[in-house]
PDB file of N, CA and C in Angstrom:
ATOM      1  N   MET A   1      15.165  -0.067   3.161  1.00  0.00           N
ATOM      2  CA  MET A   1      13.843  -0.442   3.074  1.00  0.00           C
ATOM      3  C   MET A   1      12.862  -0.540   4.311  1.00  0.00           C
ATOM      4  N   SER A   2      11.788  -0.270   4.234  1.00  0.00           N
ATOM      5  CA  SER A   2      11.032  -0.320   5.555  1.00  0.00           C
ATOM      6  C   SER A   2       9.597  -1.259   5.386  1.00  0.00           C
ATOM      7  N   VAL A   3       8.840  -1.357   6.414  1.00  0.00           N
ATOM      8  CA  VAL A   3       7.762  -2.186   6.346  1.00  0.00           C
ATOM      9  C   VAL A   3       6.628  -1.609   7.151  1.00  0.00           C
ATOM     10  N   THR A   4       5.357  -1.852   6.968  1.00  0.00           N
ATOM     11  CA  THR A   4       4.363  -1.298   7.817  1.00  0.00           C
ATOM     12  C   THR A   4       3.279  -2.293   7.998  1.00  0.00           C
ATOM     13  N   VAL A   5       2.137  -2.065   8.960  1.00  0.00           N
ATOM     14  CA  VAL A   5       1.149  -2.849   9.211  1.00  0.00           C
ATOM     15  C   VAL A   5       0.017  -2.071   9.274  1.00  0.00           C
ATOM     16  N   ASP A   6      -1.256  -2.798   9.258  1.00  0.00           N
ATOM     17  CA  ASP A   6      -2.508  -2.199   9.157  1.00  0.00           C
ATOM     18  C   ASP A   6      -3.067  -2.572  10.805  1.00  0.00           C
ATOM     19  N   ALA A   7      -4.177  -1.893  11.121  1.00  0.00           N
ATOM     20  CA  ALA A   7      -4.538  -2.193  12.404  1.00  0.00           C
ATOM     21  C   ALA A   7      -4.833  -3.462  12.770  1.00  0.00           C
ATOM     22  N   ASN A   8      -5.248  -4.384  11.754  1.00  0.00           N
ATOM     23  CA  ASN A   8      -5.771  -5.802  11.907  1.00  0.00           C
ATOM     24  C   ASN A   8      -4.583  -6.521  12.601  1.00  0.00           C
ATOM     25  N   ILE A   9      -3.337  -6.267  12.129  1.00  0.00           N
ATOM     26  CA  ILE A   9      -2.094  -7.016  12.748  1.00  0.00           C
ATOM     27  C   ILE A   9      -2.053  -6.570  14.160  1.00  0.00           C
ATOM     28  N   LEU A  10      -2.155  -5.466  14.530  1.00  0.00           N
ATOM     29  CA  LEU A  10      -2.053  -4.980  15.788  1.00  0.00           C
ATOM     30  C   LEU A  10      -3.315  -5.691  16.694  1.00  0.00           C
ATOM     31  N   LEU A  11      -4.458  -5.601  16.219  1.00  0.00           N
ATOM     32  CA  LEU A  11      -5.434  -6.261  16.886  1.00  0.00           C
ATOM     33  C   LEU A  11      -5.527  -7.612  17.091  1.00  0.00           C
ATOM     34  N   TYR A  12      -5.065  -8.397  16.180  1.00  0.00           N
ATOM     35  CA  TYR A  12      -4.833  -9.822  16.268  1.00  0.00           C
ATOM     36  C   TYR A  12      -3.810 -10.190  17.144  1.00  0.00           C
ATOM     37  N   ALA A  13      -2.734  -9.396  16.997  1.00  0.00           N
ATOM     38  CA  ALA A  13      -1.484  -9.613  18.124  1.00  0.00           C
ATOM     39  C   ALA A  13      -1.912  -9.461  19.413  1.00  0.00           C
ATOM     40  N   THR A  14      -3.071  -8.673  19.693  1.00  0.00           N
ATOM     41  CA  THR A  14      -3.575  -8.134  21.014  1.00  0.00           C
ATOM     42  C   THR A  14      -4.573  -9.331  21.603  1.00  0.00           C
ATOM     43  N   ASP A  15      -5.536  -9.709  20.476  1.00  0.00           N
ATOM     44  CA  ASP A  15      -6.601 -10.587  20.923  1.00  0.00           C
ATOM     45  C   ASP A  15      -6.270 -12.013  21.145  1.00  0.00           C
ATOM     46  N   THR A  16      -6.051 -12.565  22.333  1.00  0.00           N
ATOM     47  CA  THR A  16      -5.615 -13.906  22.532  1.00  0.00           C
ATOM     48  C   THR A  16      -6.783 -14.866  22.067  1.00  0.00           C
ATOM     49  N   SER A  17      -7.910 -14.327  21.938  1.00  0.00           N
ATOM     50  CA  SER A  17      -8.863 -15.365  21.531  1.00  0.00           C
ATOM     51  C   SER A  17      -8.972 -15.582  20.166  1.00  0.00           C
ATOM     52  N   SER A  18      -8.331 -14.718  19.363  1.00  0.00           N
ATOM     53  CA  SER A  18      -8.260 -14.917  17.839  1.00  0.00           C
ATOM     54  C   SER A  18      -7.502 -15.993  17.457  1.00  0.00           C
ATOM     55  N   GLU A  19      -8.041 -16.716  16.370  1.00  0.00           N
ATOM     56  CA  GLU A  19      -7.179 -17.974  15.784  1.00  0.00           C
ATOM     57  C   GLU A  19      -5.950 -17.344  15.033  1.00  0.00           C
ATOM     58  N   ARG A  20      -5.966 -16.029  14.688  1.00  0.00           N
ATOM     59  CA  ARG A  20      -4.922 -15.269  14.010  1.00  0.00           C
ATOM     60  C   ARG A  20      -3.810 -14.675  15.277  1.00  0.00           C
ATOM     61  N   HIS A  21      -4.203 -14.942  16.218  1.00  0.00           N
ATOM     62  CA  HIS A  21      -3.305 -14.107  17.329  1.00  0.00           C
ATOM     63  C   HIS A  21      -1.882 -14.755  17.370  1.00  0.00           C
ATOM     64  N   ASP A  22      -1.616 -16.033  17.236  1.00  0.00           N
ATOM     65  CA  ASP A  22      -0.166 -16.466  17.404  1.00  0.00           C
ATOM     66  C   ASP A  22       0.593 -15.769  16.038  1.00  0.00           C
ATOM     67  N   ARG A  23      -0.182 -16.203  14.876  1.00  0.00           N
ATOM     68  CA  ARG A  23       0.735 -15.605  13.808  1.00  0.00           C
ATOM     69  C   ARG A  23       0.922 -14.319  13.745  1.00  0.00           C
ATOM     70  N   ALA A  24      -0.068 -13.248  13.934  1.00  0.00           N
ATOM     71  CA  ALA A  24      -0.070 -11.884  13.937  1.00  0.00           C
ATOM     72  C   ALA A  24       1.094 -11.410  15.060  1.00  0.00           C
ATOM     73  N   GLY A  25       0.872 -12.206  16.343  1.00  0.00           N
ATOM     74  CA  GLY A  25       1.907 -11.854  17.297  1.00  0.00           C
ATOM     75  C   GLY A  25       3.498 -12.103  16.757  1.00  0.00           C
ATOM     76  N   GLN A  26       3.556 -13.375  16.068  1.00  0.00           N
ATOM     77  CA  GLN A  26       4.921 -13.686  15.558  1.00  0.00           C
ATOM     78  C   GLN A  26       5.311 -12.612  14.639  1.00  0.00           C
ATOM     79  N   LEU A  27       4.480 -12.210  13.777  1.00  0.00           N
ATOM     80  CA  LEU A  27       4.865 -11.334  12.523  1.00  0.00           C
ATOM     81  C   LEU A  27       5.420 -10.044  13.288  1.00  0.00           C
ATOM     82  N   LEU A  28       4.512  -9.504  14.337  1.00  0.00           N
ATOM     83  CA  LEU A  28       4.824  -8.165  14.721  1.00  0.00           C
ATOM     84  C   LEU A  28       6.229  -8.231  15.601  1.00  0.00           C
ATOM     85  N   ARG A  29       6.505  -9.316  16.179  1.00  0.00           N
ATOM     86  CA  ARG A  29       7.702  -9.483  17.028  1.00  0.00           C
ATOM     87  C   ARG A  29       8.794  -9.377  15.859  1.00  0.00           C
ATOM     88  N   GLU A  30       8.727 -10.220  14.816  1.00  0.00           N
ATOM     89  CA  GLU A  30       9.570 -10.312  13.735  1.00  0.00           C
ATOM     90  C   GLU A  30       9.936  -8.817  13.098  1.00  0.00           C
ATOM     91  N   LEU A  31       8.908  -8.237  12.863  1.00  0.00           N
ATOM     92  CA  LEU A  31       9.080  -6.821  12.384  1.00  0.00           C
ATOM     93  C   LEU A  31       9.638  -5.846  13.172  1.00  0.00           C
ATOM     94  N   ILE A  32       9.495  -5.966  14.511  1.00  0.00           N
ATOM     95  CA  ILE A  32       9.951  -5.136  15.577  1.00  0.00           C
ATOM     96  C   ILE A  32      11.436  -5.345  15.690  1.00  0.00           C
ATOM     97  N   ALA A  33      11.785  -6.595  15.642  1.00  0.00           N
ATOM     98  CA  ALA A  33      13.232  -7.006  15.717  1.00  0.00           C
ATOM     99  C   ALA A  33      14.150  -6.407  14.704  1.00  0.00           C
ATOM    100  N   GLY A  34      13.599  -6.204  13.467  1.00  0.00           N
ATOM    101  CA  GLY A  34      14.505  -5.609  12.409  1.00  0.00           C
ATOM    102  C   GLY A  34      14.663  -6.625  11.370  1.00  0.00           C
ATOM    103  N   PRO A  35      15.730  -6.286  10.566  1.00  0.00           N
ATOM    104  CA  PRO A  35      16.536  -5.065  10.583  1.00  0.00           C
ATOM    105  C   PRO A  35      15.788  -3.882   9.748  1.00  0.00           C
ATOM    106  N   ARG A  36      14.504  -3.977   9.301  1.00  0.00           N
ATOM    107  CA  ARG A  36      14.108  -3.006   8.536  1.00  0.00           C
ATOM    108  C   ARG A  36      13.011  -1.981   9.572  1.00  0.00           C
ATOM    109  N   LEU A  37      12.871  -0.756   9.325  1.00  0.00           N
ATOM    110  CA  LEU A  37      12.238  -0.040  10.049  1.00  0.00           C
ATOM    111  C   LEU A  37      10.683  -0.347   9.994  1.00  0.00           C
ATOM    112  N   LEU A  38       9.916  -0.269  10.974  1.00  0.00           N
ATOM    113  CA  LEU A  38       8.598  -0.673  11.027  1.00  0.00           C
ATOM    114  C   LEU A  38       7.877   0.714  11.212  1.00  0.00           C
ATOM    115  N   TYR A  39       7.017   1.244   9.996  1.00  0.00           N
ATOM    116  CA  TYR A  39       6.491   2.443  10.189  1.00  0.00           C
ATOM    117  C   TYR A  39       4.966   2.102  10.493  1.00  0.00           C
ATOM    118  N   VAL A  40       4.261   2.816  11.643  1.00  0.00           N
ATOM    119  CA  VAL A  40       2.984   2.711  11.845  1.00  0.00           C
ATOM    120  C   VAL A  40       2.362   3.947  11.869  1.00  0.00           C
ATOM    121  N   PHE A  41       1.447   4.132  10.977  1.00  0.00           N
ATOM    122  CA  PHE A  41       0.718   5.314  10.656  1.00  0.00           C
ATOM    123  C   PHE A  41      -0.375   5.786  11.675  1.00  0.00           C
ATOM    124  N   TRP A  42      -0.413   6.879  11.891  1.00  0.00           N
ATOM    125  CA  TRP A  42      -1.302   7.447  13.196  1.00  0.00           C
ATOM    126  C   TRP A  42      -2.810   6.904  12.961  1.00  0.00           C
ATOM    127  N   PRO A  43      -3.316   6.883  11.778  1.00  0.00           N
ATOM    128  CA  PRO A  43      -4.607   6.236  11.482  1.00  0.00           C
ATOM    129  C   PRO A  43      -4.839   4.850  11.955  1.00  0.00           C
ATOM    130  N   VAL A  44      -3.595   4.204  11.814  1.00  0.00           N
ATOM    131  CA  VAL A  44      -3.704   2.828  12.094  1.00  0.00           C
ATOM    132  C   VAL A  44      -3.672   2.565  13.614  1.00  0.00           C
ATOM    133  N   ILE A  45      -2.883   3.485  14.322  1.00  0.00           N
ATOM    134  CA  ILE A  45      -2.798   3.594  15.915  1.00  0.00           C
ATOM    135  C   ILE A  45      -4.283   3.822  16.408  1.00  0.00           C
ATOM    136  N   MET A  46      -4.868   4.913  15.594  1.00  0.00           N
ATOM    137  CA  MET A  46      -6.289   5.386  16.313  1.00  0.00           C
ATOM    138  C   MET A  46      -7.347   4.349  15.995  1.00  0.00           C
ATOM    139  N   ALA A  47      -7.061   3.688  14.947  1.00  0.00           N
ATOM    140  CA  ALA A  47      -8.223   2.536  14.701  1.00  0.00           C
ATOM    141  C   ALA A  47      -7.848   1.403  15.769  1.00  0.00           C
ATOM    142  N   PHE A  48      -6.706   1.104  16.145  1.00  0.00           N
ATOM    143  CA  PHE A  48      -6.247   0.131  17.056  1.00  0.00           C
ATOM    144  C   PHE A  48      -7.083   0.537  18.348  1.00  0.00           C
ATOM    145  N   LEU A  49      -6.823   1.771  18.730  1.00  0.00           N
ATOM    146  CA  LEU A  49      -7.390   2.278  20.153  1.00  0.00           C
ATOM    147  C   LEU A  49      -8.835   2.222  20.073  1.00  0.00           C
ATOM    148  N   ARG A  50      -9.589   2.547  18.917  1.00  0.00           N
ATOM    149  CA  ARG A  50     -10.939   2.691  18.796  1.00  0.00           C
ATOM    150  C   ARG A  50     -11.573   1.131  18.891  1.00  0.00           C
ATOM    151  N   ILE A  51     -10.915   0.339  18.066  1.00  0.00           N
ATOM    152  CA  ILE A  51     -11.555  -1.048  18.075  1.00  0.00           C
ATOM    153  C   ILE A  51     -11.344  -1.954  19.158  1.00  0.00           C
ATOM    154  N   SER A  52      -9.985  -1.837  19.786  1.00  0.00           N
ATOM    155  CA  SER A  52      -9.668  -2.723  20.796  1.00  0.00           C
ATOM    156  C   SER A  52     -10.124  -2.323  22.157  1.00  0.00           C
ATOM    157  N   THR A  53     -10.970  -1.186  22.276  1.00  0.00           N
ATOM    158  CA  THR A  53     -11.583  -0.810  23.390  1.00  0.00           C
ATOM    159  C   THR A  53     -13.251  -0.685  23.264  1.00  0.00           C
ATOM    160  N   HIS A  54     -13.574  -1.166  22.132  1.00  0.00           N
ATOM    161  CA  HIS A  54     -15.043  -1.206  21.830  1.00  0.00           C
ATOM    162  C   HIS A  54     -15.782  -2.255  22.437  1.00  0.00           C
ATOM    163  N   PRO A  55     -16.648  -2.067  23.028  1.00  0.00           N
ATOM    164  CA  PRO A  55     -17.341  -3.028  23.762  1.00  0.00           C
ATOM    165  C   PRO A  55     -18.316  -4.177  22.768  1.00  0.00           C
ATOM    166  N   SER A  56     -18.531  -3.494  21.583  1.00  0.00           N
ATOM    167  CA  SER A  56     -19.555  -3.997  20.810  1.00  0.00           C
ATOM    168  C   SER A  56     -18.564  -4.864  19.745  1.00  0.00           C
ATOM    169  N   VAL A  57     -17.337  -4.749  19.756  1.00  0.00           N
ATOM    170  CA  VAL A  57     -16.554  -5.434  18.882  1.00  0.00           C
ATOM    171  C   VAL A  57     -15.912  -6.896  19.730  1.00  0.00           C
ATOM    172  N   PHE A  58     -15.433  -6.504  21.022  1.00  0.00           N
ATOM    173  CA  PHE A  58     -14.760  -7.683  21.766  1.00  0.00           C
ATOM    174  C   PHE A  58     -15.743  -7.767  22.998  1.00  0.00           C
ATOM    175  N   ALA A  59     -15.787  -9.040  23.440  1.00  0.00           N
ATOM    176  CA  ALA A  59     -16.326  -9.471  24.638  1.00  0.00           C
ATOM    177  C   ALA A  59     -15.742  -8.740  25.915  1.00  0.00           C
ATOM    178  N   ARG A  60     -14.452  -8.881  25.717  1.00  0.00           N
ATOM    179  CA  ARG A  60     -13.501  -8.399  26.731  1.00  0.00           C
ATOM    180  C   ARG A  60     -12.611  -7.323  26.108  1.00  0.00           C
ATOM    181  N   PRO A  61     -13.196  -6.135  25.873  1.00  0.00           N
ATOM    182  CA  PRO A  61     -12.315  -5.141  25.004  1.00  0.00           C
ATOM    183  C   PRO A  61     -11.036  -4.685  26.258  1.00  0.00           C
ATOM    184  N   LEU A  62     -10.264  -4.060  25.797  1.00  0.00           N
ATOM    185  CA  LEU A  62      -9.080  -3.386  26.478  1.00  0.00           C
ATOM    186  C   LEU A  62      -9.512  -2.291  27.384  1.00  0.00           C
ATOM    187  N   ALA A  63      -9.092  -1.965  28.492  1.00  0.00           N
ATOM    188  CA  ALA A  63      -9.227  -0.937  29.048  1.00  0.00           C
ATOM    189  C   ALA A  63      -8.463   0.267  28.284  1.00  0.00           C
ATOM    190  N   PRO A  64      -9.024   1.477  28.098  1.00  0.00           N
ATOM    191  CA  PRO A  64      -8.300   2.462  27.308  1.00  0.00           C
ATOM    192  C   PRO A  64      -6.782   2.585  27.744  1.00  0.00           C
ATOM    193  N   ALA A  65      -6.685   2.524  29.133  1.00  0.00           N
ATOM    194  CA  ALA A  65      -5.226   2.776  29.552  1.00  0.00           C
ATOM    195  C   ALA A  65      -4.327   1.744  28.955  1.00  0.00           C
ATOM    196  N   GLN A  66      -5.014   0.390  28.999  1.00  0.00           N
ATOM    197  CA  GLN A  66      -4.268  -0.633  28.364  1.00  0.00           C
ATOM    198  C   GLN A  66      -3.889  -0.497  26.964  1.00  0.00           C
ATOM    199  N   ALA A  67      -4.782  -0.206  26.257  1.00  0.00           N
ATOM    200  CA  ALA A  67      -4.724  -0.082  24.873  1.00  0.00           C
ATOM    201  C   ALA A  67      -3.539   1.041  24.697  1.00  0.00           C
ATOM    202  N   ARG A  68      -3.576   2.124  25.328  1.00  0.00           N
ATOM    203  CA  ARG A  68      -2.523   3.333  25.343  1.00  0.00           C
ATOM    204  C   ARG A  68      -1.295   2.542  25.494  1.00  0.00           C
ATOM    205  N   ASP A  69      -1.179   1.752  26.718  1.00  0.00           N
ATOM    206  CA  ASP A  69       0.271   1.245  27.100  1.00  0.00           C
ATOM    207  C   ASP A  69       0.718   0.452  25.831  1.00  0.00           C
ATOM    208  N   ASN A  70      -0.272  -0.654  25.351  1.00  0.00           N
ATOM    209  CA  ASN A  70       0.272  -1.330  24.274  1.00  0.00           C
ATOM    210  C   ASN A  70       0.797  -0.334  23.032  1.00  0.00           C
ATOM    211  N   VAL A  71       0.118   0.633  22.776  1.00  0.00           N
ATOM    212  CA  VAL A  71       0.854   1.566  21.815  1.00  0.00           C
ATOM    213  C   VAL A  71       2.024   2.021  22.100  1.00  0.00           C
ATOM    214  N   SER A  72       2.025   2.465  23.332  1.00  0.00           N
ATOM    215  CA  SER A  72       3.302   3.049  23.900  1.00  0.00           C
ATOM    216  C   SER A  72       4.585   1.854  23.878  1.00  0.00           C
ATOM    217  N   SER A  73       4.292   0.902  24.200  1.00  0.00           N
ATOM    218  CA  SER A  73       5.329  -0.138  24.225  1.00  0.00           C
ATOM    219  C   SER A  73       5.751  -0.354  22.806  1.00  0.00           C
ATOM    220  N   LEU A  74       4.729  -0.490  21.908  1.00  0.00           N
ATOM    221  CA  LEU A  74       5.197  -0.570  20.490  1.00  0.00           C
ATOM    222  C   LEU A  74       6.182   0.675  20.106  1.00  0.00           C
ATOM    223  N   LEU A  75       5.500   1.795  20.311  1.00  0.00           N
ATOM    224  CA  LEU A  75       6.361   3.015  19.763  1.00  0.00           C
ATOM    225  C   LEU A  75       7.769   3.072  20.506  1.00  0.00           C
ATOM    226  N   ASP A  76       7.909   2.578  21.565  1.00  0.00           N
ATOM    227  CA  ASP A  76       9.168   2.528  22.204  1.00  0.00           C
ATOM    228  C   ASP A  76      10.281   1.767  21.739  1.00  0.00           C
ATOM    229  N   GLN A  77       9.834   0.983  20.848  1.00  0.00           N
ATOM    230  CA  GLN A  77      10.934   0.000  20.155  1.00  0.00           C
ATOM    231  C   GLN A  77      11.763   0.817  19.223  1.00  0.00           C
ATOM    232  N   PRO A  78      12.945   0.491  19.222  1.00  0.00           N
ATOM    233  CA  PRO A  78      14.138   1.156  18.488  1.00  0.00           C
ATOM    234  C   PRO A  78      13.834   1.281  16.866  1.00  0.00           C
ATOM    235  N   LEU A  79      13.276   0.368  16.445  1.00  0.00           N
ATOM    236  CA  LEU A  79      13.014   0.194  15.044  1.00  0.00           C
ATOM    237  C   LEU A  79      11.595   0.779  14.597  1.00  0.00           C
ATOM    238  N   VAL A  80      10.967   1.239  15.297  1.00  0.00           N
ATOM    239  CA  VAL A  80       9.583   1.572  15.070  1.00  0.00           C
ATOM    240  C   VAL A  80       9.408   3.106  14.944  1.00  0.00           C
ATOM    241  N   ARG A  81       8.766   3.497  13.844  1.00  0.00           N
ATOM    242  CA  ARG A  81       8.577   4.948  13.680  1.00  0.00           C
ATOM    243  C   ARG A  81       7.237   5.230  13.310  1.00  0.00           C
ATOM    244  N   THR A  82       6.666   6.383  13.494  1.00  0.00           N
ATOM    245  CA  THR A  82       5.530   6.955  13.243  1.00  0.00           C
ATOM    246  C   THR A  82       5.604   7.932  11.996  1.00  0.00           C
ATOM    247  N   THR A  83       4.774   8.121  11.162  1.00  0.00           N
ATOM    248  CA  THR A  83       4.918   9.178  10.063  1.00  0.00           C
ATOM    249  C   THR A  83       3.403   9.607   9.686  1.00  0.00           C
ATOM    250  N   GLY A  84       3.481  10.679   9.020  1.00  0.00           N
ATOM    251  CA  GLY A  84       2.188  11.034   8.493  1.00  0.00           C
ATOM    252  C   GLY A  84       2.146  11.435   6.968  1.00  0.00           C
ATOM    253  N   GLU A  85       1.322  12.325   6.486  1.00  0.00           N
ATOM    254  CA  GLU A  85       1.247  12.712   5.276  1.00  0.00           C
ATOM    255  C   GLU A  85       2.502  13.780   4.967  1.00  0.00           C
ATOM    256  N   ALA A  86       2.982  13.238   3.785  1.00  0.00           N
ATOM    257  CA  ALA A  86       3.928  14.051   3.222  1.00  0.00           C
ATOM    258  C   ALA A  86       3.433  14.992   2.068  1.00  0.00           C
ATOM    259  N   PRO A  87       4.130  15.895   1.553  1.00  0.00           N
ATOM    260  CA  PRO A  87       3.862  16.621   0.305  1.00  0.00           C
ATOM    261  C   PRO A  87       3.414  15.621  -0.490  1.00  0.00           C
ATOM    262  N   GLY A  88       2.228  15.904  -1.409  1.00  0.00           N
ATOM    263  CA  GLY A  88       1.858  15.118  -2.350  1.00  0.00           C
ATOM    264  C   GLY A  88       0.732  14.086  -2.050  1.00  0.00           C
ATOM    265  N   PHE A  89       0.589  14.030  -0.754  1.00  0.00           N
ATOM    266  CA  PHE A  89      -0.404  13.099  -0.213  1.00  0.00           C
ATOM    267  C   PHE A  89      -2.005  13.369  -0.789  1.00  0.00           C
ATOM    268  N   TRP A  90      -2.166  14.172  -1.157  1.00  0.00           N
ATOM    269  CA  TRP A  90      -3.515  14.424  -1.577  1.00  0.00           C
ATOM    270  C   TRP A  90      -3.588  13.786  -3.051  1.00  0.00           C
ATOM    271  N   GLN A  91      -2.584  14.030  -3.824  1.00  0.00           N
ATOM    272  CA  GLN A  91      -2.652  13.347  -5.018  1.00  0.00           C
ATOM    273  C   GLN A  91      -2.734  11.774  -5.122  1.00  0.00           C
ATOM    274  N   GLU A  92      -1.674  11.466  -4.241  1.00  0.00           N
ATOM    275  CA  GLU A  92      -1.682   9.891  -4.006  1.00  0.00           C
ATOM    276  C   GLU A  92      -3.089   9.465  -3.636  1.00  0.00           C
ATOM    277  N   PHE A  93      -3.688  10.133  -2.517  1.00  0.00           N
ATOM    278  CA  PHE A  93      -5.049   9.562  -2.194  1.00  0.00           C
ATOM    279  C   PHE A  93      -5.948   9.606  -3.241  1.00  0.00           C
ATOM    280  N   GLU A  94      -5.913  10.599  -4.292  1.00  0.00           N
ATOM    281  CA  GLU A  94      -6.781  10.575  -5.379  1.00  0.00           C
ATOM    282  C   GLU A  94      -6.582   9.620  -6.327  1.00  0.00           C
ATOM    283  N   ARG A  95      -5.170   9.088  -6.401  1.00  0.00           N
ATOM    284  CA  ARG A  95      -5.005   7.930  -7.235  1.00  0.00           C
ATOM    285  C   ARG A  95      -5.637   6.514  -6.666  1.00  0.00           C
ATOM    286  N   VAL A  96      -5.634   6.540  -5.308  1.00  0.00           N
ATOM    287  CA  VAL A  96      -6.327   5.415  -4.586  1.00  0.00           C
ATOM    288  C   VAL A  96      -7.853   5.533  -4.857  1.00  0.00           C
ATOM    289  N   ALA A  97      -8.319   6.548  -4.570  1.00  0.00           N
ATOM    290  CA  ALA A  97      -9.869   6.781  -4.830  1.00  0.00           C
ATOM    291  C   ALA A  97     -10.312   6.625  -6.338  1.00  0.00           C
ATOM    292  N   ALA A  98      -9.434   6.910  -7.135  1.00  0.00           N
ATOM    293  CA  ALA A  98      -9.732   6.764  -8.726  1.00  0.00           C
ATOM    294  C   ALA A  98      -9.956   5.314  -9.123  1.00  0.00           C
ATOM    295  N   THR A  99      -9.236   4.463  -8.300  1.00  0.00           N
ATOM    296  CA  THR A  99      -9.433   2.949  -8.601  1.00  0.00           C
ATOM    297  C   THR A  99     -10.337   2.143  -7.743  1.00  0.00           C
ATOM    298  N   HIS A 100     -10.842   2.716  -6.946  1.00  0.00           N
ATOM    299  CA  HIS A 100     -11.670   2.036  -5.673  1.00  0.00           C
ATOM    300  C   HIS A 100     -12.782   3.139  -5.499  1.00  0.00           C
ATOM    301  N   VAL A 101     -14.045   2.353  -4.843  1.00  0.00           N
ATOM    302  CA  VAL A 101     -14.971   3.165  -4.406  1.00  0.00           C
ATOM    303  C   VAL A 101     -14.729   3.435  -3.050  1.00  0.00           C
ATOM    304  N   VAL A 102     -14.450   5.026  -2.685  1.00  0.00           N
ATOM    305  CA  VAL A 102     -14.005   5.169  -1.357  1.00  0.00           C
ATOM    306  C   VAL A 102     -15.064   5.995  -0.729  1.00  0.00           C
ATOM    307  N   ARG A 103     -15.861   5.624   0.123  1.00  0.00           N
ATOM    308  CA  ARG A 103     -16.981   6.133   0.859  1.00  0.00           C
ATOM    309  C   ARG A 103     -17.053   5.519   2.293  1.00  0.00           C
ATOM    310  N   GLY A 104     -17.783   6.329   3.116  1.00  0.00           N
ATOM    311  CA  GLY A 104     -18.087   5.675   4.257  1.00  0.00           C
ATOM    312  C   GLY A 104     -16.762   5.157   4.906  1.00  0.00           C
ATOM    313  N   ASN A 105     -16.884   4.061   5.633  1.00  0.00           N
ATOM    314  CA  ASN A 105     -15.722   3.396   6.468  1.00  0.00           C
ATOM    315  C   ASN A 105     -14.483   3.349   5.527  1.00  0.00           C
ATOM    316  N   LEU A 106     -14.577   3.253   4.329  1.00  0.00           N
ATOM    317  CA  LEU A 106     -13.451   2.936   3.386  1.00  0.00           C
ATOM    318  C   LEU A 106     -12.586   4.109   3.262  1.00  0.00           C
ATOM    319  N   VAL A 107     -13.075   5.274   3.799  1.00  0.00           N
ATOM    320  CA  VAL A 107     -12.026   6.555   3.547  1.00  0.00           C
ATOM    321  C   VAL A 107     -10.954   6.258   4.312  1.00  0.00           C
ATOM    322  N   THR A 108     -11.159   5.751   5.695  1.00  0.00           N
ATOM    323  CA  THR A 108      -9.853   5.518   6.406  1.00  0.00           C
ATOM    324  C   THR A 108      -8.947   4.537   5.789  1.00  0.00           C
ATOM    325  N   ASP A 109      -9.640   3.461   5.246  1.00  0.00           N
ATOM    326  CA  ASP A 109      -8.690   2.548   4.661  1.00  0.00           C
ATOM    327  C   ASP A 109      -8.014   3.143   3.398  1.00  0.00           C
ATOM    328  N   ALA A 110      -8.474   3.895   2.767  1.00  0.00           N
ATOM    329  CA  ALA A 110      -8.030   4.682   1.458  1.00  0.00           C
ATOM    330  C   ALA A 110      -6.871   5.672   2.051  1.00  0.00           C
ATOM    331  N   HIS A 111      -7.095   6.325   3.248  1.00  0.00           N
ATOM    332  CA  HIS A 111      -6.084   7.147   3.680  1.00  0.00           C
ATOM    333  C   HIS A 111      -4.932   6.372   4.106  1.00  0.00           C
ATOM    334  N   VAL A 112      -5.070   5.262   4.777  1.00  0.00           N
ATOM    335  CA  VAL A 112      -3.796   4.389   5.076  1.00  0.00           C
ATOM    336  C   VAL A 112      -2.996   4.013   3.791  1.00  0.00           C
ATOM    337  N   ALA A 113      -3.961   3.372   2.774  1.00  0.00           N
ATOM    338  CA  ALA A 113      -3.368   2.931   1.626  1.00  0.00           C
ATOM    339  C   ALA A 113      -2.551   4.051   0.913  1.00  0.00           C
ATOM    340  N   ALA A 114      -3.091   5.205   0.852  1.00  0.00           N
ATOM    341  CA  ALA A 114      -2.159   6.300   0.251  1.00  0.00           C
ATOM    342  C   ALA A 114      -0.990   6.672   1.148  1.00  0.00           C
ATOM    343  N   LEU A 115      -1.192   6.398   2.253  1.00  0.00           N
ATOM    344  CA  LEU A 115       0.093   6.705   3.158  1.00  0.00           C
ATOM    345  C   LEU A 115       1.081   5.570   3.021  1.00  0.00           C
ATOM    346  N   MET A 116       0.541   4.543   2.725  1.00  0.00           N
ATOM    347  CA  MET A 116       1.577   3.295   2.469  1.00  0.00           C
ATOM    348  C   MET A 116       2.254   3.632   1.087  1.00  0.00           C
ATOM    349  N   ARG A 117       1.489   3.906   0.082  1.00  0.00           N
ATOM    350  CA  ARG A 117       2.022   4.198  -1.130  1.00  0.00           C
ATOM    351  C   ARG A 117       3.029   5.378  -1.124  1.00  0.00           C
ATOM    352  N   GLN A 118       2.910   6.316  -0.223  1.00  0.00           N
ATOM    353  CA  GLN A 118       3.822   7.491  -0.139  1.00  0.00           C
ATOM    354  C   GLN A 118       5.139   6.792   0.337  1.00  0.00           C
TER     355      GLN A 118
END
């Protein structure tokens, strides 16, 4: 069995000013330690990079190089894997879209949800 996280966990684990920082950091450390594989989808990684470096989101955003270093450190962990769309992805995306209004910013969320379901 494996597990996955969304961008919010990565963001809270990084944002020391967040009231959710400690819990997200602890969760991420536990998931990285195993015994299950931790899958991080590419859209989640890109969302982390986009949001963590955005000056309109954080008073003190990460420098792009620091954000990339954080991702590299995560991906270097022995039980962390990345994955993308497998055959049948579009059908899974359509199932997600059929039960939710998917437009605008929610397209990325539906993309990640369909990847998680795969």
